[in-house]
Protein backbone atom coordinates (compact mmCIF):
# COMPACT_ATOMS: atom_id res chain seq x y z
CA MET A 1 29.53 72.28 22.09
CA ILE A 2 30.22 68.83 22.53
CA ARG A 3 31.36 67.65 25.72
CA ILE A 4 33.93 64.71 26.53
CA LEU A 5 34.92 63.20 30.04
CA ILE A 6 38.35 61.83 30.28
CA LEU A 7 38.90 59.38 33.29
CA ILE A 8 41.94 58.63 34.72
CA GLY A 9 42.86 56.66 37.49
CA GLY A 10 45.06 59.35 39.58
CA HIS A 11 46.71 62.55 39.28
CA LEU A 12 46.92 64.69 36.38
CA CYS A 13 50.67 65.11 36.47
CA ASN A 14 51.05 61.46 36.41
CA ALA A 15 48.95 60.89 33.43
CA PRO A 16 50.84 62.40 29.70
CA ARG A 17 48.59 60.33 27.32
CA PRO A 18 45.53 62.02 28.46
CA GLN A 19 47.38 65.17 28.96
CA LYS A 20 48.08 65.00 25.39
CA GLU A 21 44.35 63.40 24.40
CA ALA A 22 43.10 66.67 26.40
CA GLU A 23 44.76 69.10 24.69
CA THR A 24 44.60 68.14 21.35
CA LEU A 25 40.83 67.30 21.75
CA ALA A 26 40.33 70.66 23.43
CA HIS A 27 42.13 72.39 20.94
CA ALA A 28 39.48 71.09 18.29
CA GLY A 29 36.82 72.85 19.87
CA TYR A 30 35.23 70.31 22.31
CA ASP A 31 34.55 70.89 25.84
CA VAL A 32 37.09 68.62 27.68
CA THR A 33 37.15 67.68 31.33
CA VAL A 34 39.76 65.02 32.88
CA SER A 35 38.75 63.32 36.20
CA GLY A 36 40.93 61.24 38.47
CA CYS A 37 41.84 60.72 41.90
CA TRP A 38 44.00 62.73 44.39
CA PHE A 39 46.22 61.26 46.66
CA ASP A 40 49.36 63.14 47.43
CA PRO A 41 49.55 66.84 48.76
CA GLU A 42 52.63 67.47 46.66
CA LEU A 43 51.18 65.64 43.51
CA ILE A 44 47.88 68.09 44.07
CA SER A 45 49.56 71.06 43.86
CA ARG A 46 51.16 69.86 40.48
CA ASP A 47 48.18 69.24 39.06
CA ARG A 48 46.82 72.70 40.26
CA LEU A 49 49.93 73.98 38.37
CA LEU A 50 49.76 72.15 35.25
CA ILE A 51 45.87 72.76 34.96
CA ALA A 52 46.19 76.41 35.44
CA ASN A 53 46.46 77.22 31.44
CA LYS A 54 45.53 74.61 29.60
CA PRO A 55 42.31 74.55 27.39
CA TYR A 56 40.58 71.87 29.15
CA LYS A 57 39.65 71.29 32.80
CA PHE A 58 40.19 68.90 35.62
CA ALA A 59 37.51 67.93 38.45
CA PRO A 60 38.69 65.28 41.15
CA ILE A 61 36.91 62.61 41.46
CA LEU A 62 38.41 61.30 45.01
CA ASP A 63 40.31 62.60 47.10
CA PHE A 64 42.43 60.43 49.47
CA GLN A 65 44.64 63.06 51.35
CA PRO A 66 45.67 62.23 54.82
CA ALA A 67 42.73 64.90 55.85
CA HIS A 68 40.03 63.12 54.05
CA ARG A 69 40.65 59.93 56.61
CA LEU A 70 36.99 58.52 56.66
CA THR A 71 36.56 58.66 52.55
CA ASN A 72 39.90 57.31 52.72
CA LEU A 73 39.32 54.32 55.07
CA SER A 74 36.00 53.90 53.10
CA ILE A 75 37.70 53.26 49.93
CA ARG A 76 40.67 50.80 51.22
CA LEU A 77 38.52 48.58 53.54
CA GLN A 78 36.17 48.07 50.07
CA SER A 79 39.16 47.35 48.37
CA LEU A 80 40.51 45.05 51.04
CA LEU A 81 37.28 43.11 51.67
CA ALA A 82 36.85 42.59 47.64
CA ARG A 83 40.32 41.14 47.25
CA SER A 84 39.51 38.41 50.55
CA ILE A 85 36.27 37.83 48.94
CA TYR A 86 38.17 37.32 45.23
CA ARG A 87 40.68 34.79 47.10
CA ARG A 88 38.29 32.65 49.00
CA LEU A 89 34.81 32.57 46.66
CA GLY A 90 36.51 34.04 43.08
CA ILE A 91 33.50 36.50 43.28
CA PHE A 92 34.59 39.81 41.42
CA SER A 93 34.08 42.95 42.51
CA PRO A 94 34.98 46.69 40.48
CA SER A 95 36.99 47.38 44.04
CA LEU A 96 39.49 45.12 42.38
CA LEU A 97 40.55 46.98 39.68
CA GLY A 98 41.48 49.84 41.80
CA TYR A 99 40.27 53.13 44.26
CA GLY A 100 37.48 54.75 43.32
CA ALA A 101 36.07 53.35 40.09
CA SER A 102 32.10 53.15 41.65
CA ALA A 103 32.86 56.73 42.36
CA MET A 104 33.82 57.10 39.09
CA LEU A 105 31.26 55.20 37.41
CA LYS A 106 28.77 57.94 39.45
CA VAL A 107 30.58 61.00 38.19
CA ALA A 108 30.35 59.79 34.27
CA ARG A 109 26.58 59.26 35.22
CA GLN A 110 26.13 62.55 36.39
CA THR A 111 28.32 64.68 33.95
CA LYS A 112 25.93 63.18 31.11
CA ALA A 113 28.89 63.50 28.39
CA ASP A 114 28.39 62.92 24.69
CA LEU A 115 31.85 60.97 24.71
CA THR A 116 33.34 59.25 28.33
CA ILE A 117 36.85 58.03 27.15
CA VAL A 118 38.66 55.86 29.98
CA HIS A 119 41.86 54.96 30.77
CA SER A 120 42.67 52.42 34.04
CA GLU A 121 41.09 48.74 34.78
CA GLY A 122 38.52 50.63 36.73
CA GLY A 123 37.74 52.75 33.75
CA LEU A 124 37.07 49.48 31.52
CA TRP A 125 34.17 48.15 34.06
CA VAL A 126 32.71 52.01 34.34
CA GLY A 127 32.64 51.95 30.55
CA ASN A 128 30.78 48.52 29.99
CA LYS A 129 28.24 49.73 32.43
CA LEU A 130 28.05 52.99 30.61
CA LEU A 131 27.27 50.99 27.61
CA ASP A 132 24.67 49.43 28.60
CA GLU A 133 23.41 52.52 29.71
CA GLY A 134 23.27 53.47 26.16
CA PHE A 135 25.99 56.12 26.85
CA GLN A 136 29.07 56.86 24.16
CA VAL A 137 32.08 55.35 25.31
CA GLY A 138 35.99 55.48 24.13
CA VAL A 139 38.98 53.85 25.33
CA ASP A 140 42.79 54.52 25.06
CA PHE A 141 44.79 50.83 25.81
CA GLU A 142 47.44 52.80 27.60
CA ASP A 143 48.90 48.90 28.62
CA TRP A 144 46.81 45.49 27.77
CA PHE A 145 45.63 45.16 31.22
CA SER A 146 45.13 40.83 31.11
CA GLU A 147 48.76 40.85 30.15
CA ASP A 148 50.45 42.92 31.59
CA LEU A 149 51.45 40.99 34.88
CA LEU A 150 53.72 38.60 35.84
CA PRO A 151 52.80 34.93 36.30
CA GLU A 152 52.41 34.87 40.19
CA ALA A 153 50.52 38.58 40.26
CA ARG A 154 47.52 37.24 37.89
CA ILE A 155 46.93 34.62 40.90
CA GLU A 156 45.15 37.11 42.59
CA ARG A 157 43.62 39.41 39.65
CA PRO A 158 40.23 38.63 38.22
CA ILE A 159 41.60 38.07 34.38
CA GLU A 160 39.05 36.30 32.74
CA GLN A 161 36.56 39.44 33.79
CA ILE A 162 39.36 41.83 32.37
CA LYS A 163 39.53 39.98 29.08
CA GLN A 164 35.51 40.25 28.74
CA LEU A 165 35.46 44.01 29.57
CA GLU A 166 38.46 44.61 27.38
CA GLN A 167 36.65 42.65 24.25
CA ARG A 168 33.91 44.14 24.56
CA LEU A 169 35.63 47.82 24.59
CA ILE A 170 37.53 46.55 21.60
CA GLN A 171 34.50 45.61 19.82
CA THR A 172 31.93 48.57 20.56
CA CYS A 173 33.67 51.14 21.03
CA LYS A 174 33.59 54.49 18.72
CA TYR A 175 36.64 55.61 19.94
CA CYS A 176 39.72 53.19 20.58
CA LEU A 177 42.78 53.98 20.74
CA THR A 178 46.46 52.19 21.82
CA THR A 179 50.23 53.26 22.00
CA SER A 180 51.78 51.12 19.29
CA HIS A 181 50.60 49.68 15.87
CA THR A 182 52.02 46.20 17.13
CA MET A 183 49.73 46.24 20.42
CA ALA A 184 46.84 47.22 18.05
CA GLU A 185 47.49 44.10 15.73
CA ALA A 186 47.82 41.80 18.71
CA MET A 187 44.88 43.18 20.62
CA ALA A 188 42.90 43.12 17.18
CA THR A 189 43.61 39.59 16.79
CA ALA A 190 42.78 38.42 20.30
CA TYR A 191 39.82 39.90 20.17
CA HIS A 192 38.52 39.12 16.75
CA ALA A 193 38.58 43.21 16.17
CA LEU A 194 38.74 45.21 12.92
CA MET A 195 41.70 47.34 13.17
CA HIS A 196 41.03 50.85 11.26
CA HIS A 197 44.22 52.28 10.67
CA TYR A 198 43.80 56.60 11.23
CA VAL A 199 47.05 58.32 10.52
CA ASP A 200 47.16 61.85 10.53
CA LYS A 201 50.57 63.39 10.47
CA SER A 202 49.71 66.69 12.07
CA LYS A 203 48.37 64.98 15.13
CA PRO A 204 50.58 63.49 17.98
CA LEU A 205 51.67 59.64 17.63
CA TYR A 206 49.23 58.69 20.10
CA PHE A 207 46.48 59.37 17.76
CA ARG A 208 47.62 57.10 14.82
CA TYR A 209 46.61 54.00 15.85
CA GLY A 210 43.21 52.66 17.06
CA TRP A 211 40.53 49.98 15.49
CA LYS A 212 37.63 52.98 15.28
CA ASN A 213 37.71 56.85 15.37
CA VAL A 214 34.29 58.43 14.57
CA LEU A 215 34.36 61.38 16.97
CA LYS A 216 32.81 64.06 14.92
CA SER A 217 30.88 67.30 15.65
CA SER A 218 27.50 67.83 14.87
């Protein structure tokens, strides 16, 4: 059976698109696992209740609950240090793209799924690294990450690096989706990508727009 890994940046209960994506793919016959990060005990309980009767699995990548103080402190210090170095020297680090990007990559390498689908800013970096290593990667642009910031917030963000990550995924990934036809057109134009309309009214809306969709059973 084809295995699919869906990577998110947080709790499953706060990720409706990955939930629907995972359920649709699982019902289509794929072995699907969603992996994200845990922060809040109450939301963890909601995640566990949510996954109880689903046709797919959920596996936490990192657990930031208060009981895991050393892990929590280490990851947060990495993030603070990365932001400080970027402000002073302009040096990029995946820690600038959210907590646990490196841990996310480690999980993807260990899982060796037939297709890994990324959803978050950190996932953009993970997806690019996986492409370098010969993995099949998909992307669901829930936001246009390099554009979805106020001007004052852009000063401390690695916008050019994010654009490069977005462009490569858009031009390379065989499974590439976004939230609307308008956004798909705008991103395709900005990154000189071919846009293919994939419309199947039997599928939920989020599957209808994207540049490429060649997921096959074989």
